[in-house]
Amino acid sequence: MWRLFCSGSHSMRAMRRMIIEYLRKFGHASPRDIDSLLYNMLPDILSLEQKKNRVKNLLQEMAKKDQTIYNAGVQVVPGGN
């Protein structure tokens, strides 16, 4: 679960902005949410594995280098399946 801290290329900047806007709007995002948000922005020539790596690398850069987001871990709903 990714969350926004309060505090590349053109497409990477656009993807960063989309992540931040999403987190501001909803407060958190699951990996599936982020994938759904960004995969269509990546070139069709990339394989699914390459798209996964690009998104993973972007999230890690935002978390570690920029410190604009952080990974809040998995949130389990009691009694949920």
Protein backbone atom coordinates (compact mmCIF):
# COMPACT_ATOMS: atom_id res chain seq x y z
CA MET A 1 0.00 0.00 0.00
CA TRP A 2 1.65 3.24 -1.14
CA ARG A 3 1.02 6.56 0.60
CA LEU A 4 2.05 10.14 -0.13
CA PHE A 5 4.59 11.99 2.01
CA CYS A 6 3.61 15.59 2.61
CA SER A 7 6.32 16.96 1.25
CA GLY A 8 13.40 11.66 -15.73
CA SER A 9 11.78 11.96 -18.71
CA HIS A 10 8.56 13.75 -19.62
CA SER A 11 6.50 10.56 -19.37
CA MET A 12 8.11 9.64 -16.04
CA ARG A 13 7.27 13.11 -14.67
CA ALA A 14 3.70 12.66 -15.86
CA MET A 15 3.52 9.26 -14.18
CA ARG A 16 4.90 10.74 -10.94
CA ARG A 17 2.24 13.46 -11.06
CA MET A 18 -0.50 10.89 -11.65
CA ILE A 19 0.65 8.82 -8.66
CA ILE A 20 0.76 11.87 -6.41
CA GLU A 21 -2.66 13.08 -7.59
CA TYR A 22 -4.12 9.61 -7.02
CA LEU A 23 -2.67 9.42 -3.51
CA ARG A 24 -3.91 12.91 -2.65
CA LYS A 25 -7.39 11.99 -3.83
CA PHE A 26 -7.67 8.52 -2.27
CA GLY A 27 -5.01 8.59 0.49
CA HIS A 28 -3.49 5.23 -0.50
CA ALA A 29 -3.11 2.88 -3.45
CA SER A 30 -2.61 -0.84 -3.82
CA PRO A 31 -0.07 -2.19 -6.31
CA ARG A 32 -3.00 -3.12 -8.57
CA ASP A 33 -4.29 0.48 -8.41
CA ILE A 34 -0.90 1.85 -9.45
CA ASP A 35 -0.55 -0.72 -12.24
CA SER A 36 -4.00 0.16 -13.61
CA LEU A 37 -3.14 3.84 -13.45
CA LEU A 38 0.21 3.65 -15.23
CA TYR A 39 0.38 0.68 -17.60
CA ASN A 40 -1.56 2.49 -20.34
CA MET A 41 0.93 5.38 -20.19
CA LEU A 42 3.84 3.10 -21.02
CA PRO A 43 4.73 2.30 -24.66
CA ASP A 44 2.95 -0.71 -26.16
CA ILE A 45 6.30 -2.01 -27.37
CA LEU A 46 7.23 -2.90 -23.77
CA SER A 47 6.37 -6.36 -22.52
CA LEU A 48 4.26 -6.77 -19.38
CA GLU A 49 7.42 -7.66 -17.44
CA GLN A 50 9.15 -4.49 -18.66
CA LYS A 51 6.13 -2.40 -17.67
CA LYS A 52 6.15 -3.99 -14.21
CA ASN A 53 9.85 -3.16 -13.83
CA ARG A 54 9.36 0.44 -14.94
CA VAL A 55 6.55 0.97 -12.43
CA LYS A 56 8.50 -0.78 -9.66
CA ASN A 57 11.58 1.33 -10.36
CA LEU A 58 9.55 4.54 -10.41
CA LEU A 59 7.89 3.72 -7.08
CA GLN A 60 11.24 2.86 -5.51
CA GLU A 61 12.76 6.09 -6.78
CA MET A 62 9.84 8.10 -5.43
CA ALA A 63 10.11 6.34 -2.07
CA LYS A 64 13.88 6.27 -1.59
CA LYS A 65 15.39 9.11 -3.62
CA ASP A 66 12.61 11.71 -3.77
CA GLN A 67 10.88 10.57 -0.55
CA THR A 68 7.54 11.75 -1.94
CA ILE A 69 5.76 8.48 -1.11
CA TYR A 70 6.23 5.61 1.30
CA ASN A 71 5.15 2.00 1.42
CA ALA A 72 2.72 1.59 4.32
CA GLY A 73 2.69 -2.20 3.90
CA VAL A 74 -0.24 -4.53 3.41
CA GLN A 75 -3.51 -3.65 5.09
CA VAL A 76 -5.70 -6.61 5.95
CA VAL A 77 -9.43 -6.19 6.44
CA PRO A 78 -10.60 -8.25 9.45
CA GLY A 79 -12.86 -11.07 8.34
CA GLY A 80 -12.10 -10.33 4.68
CA ASN A 81 -11.28 -13.07 2.21
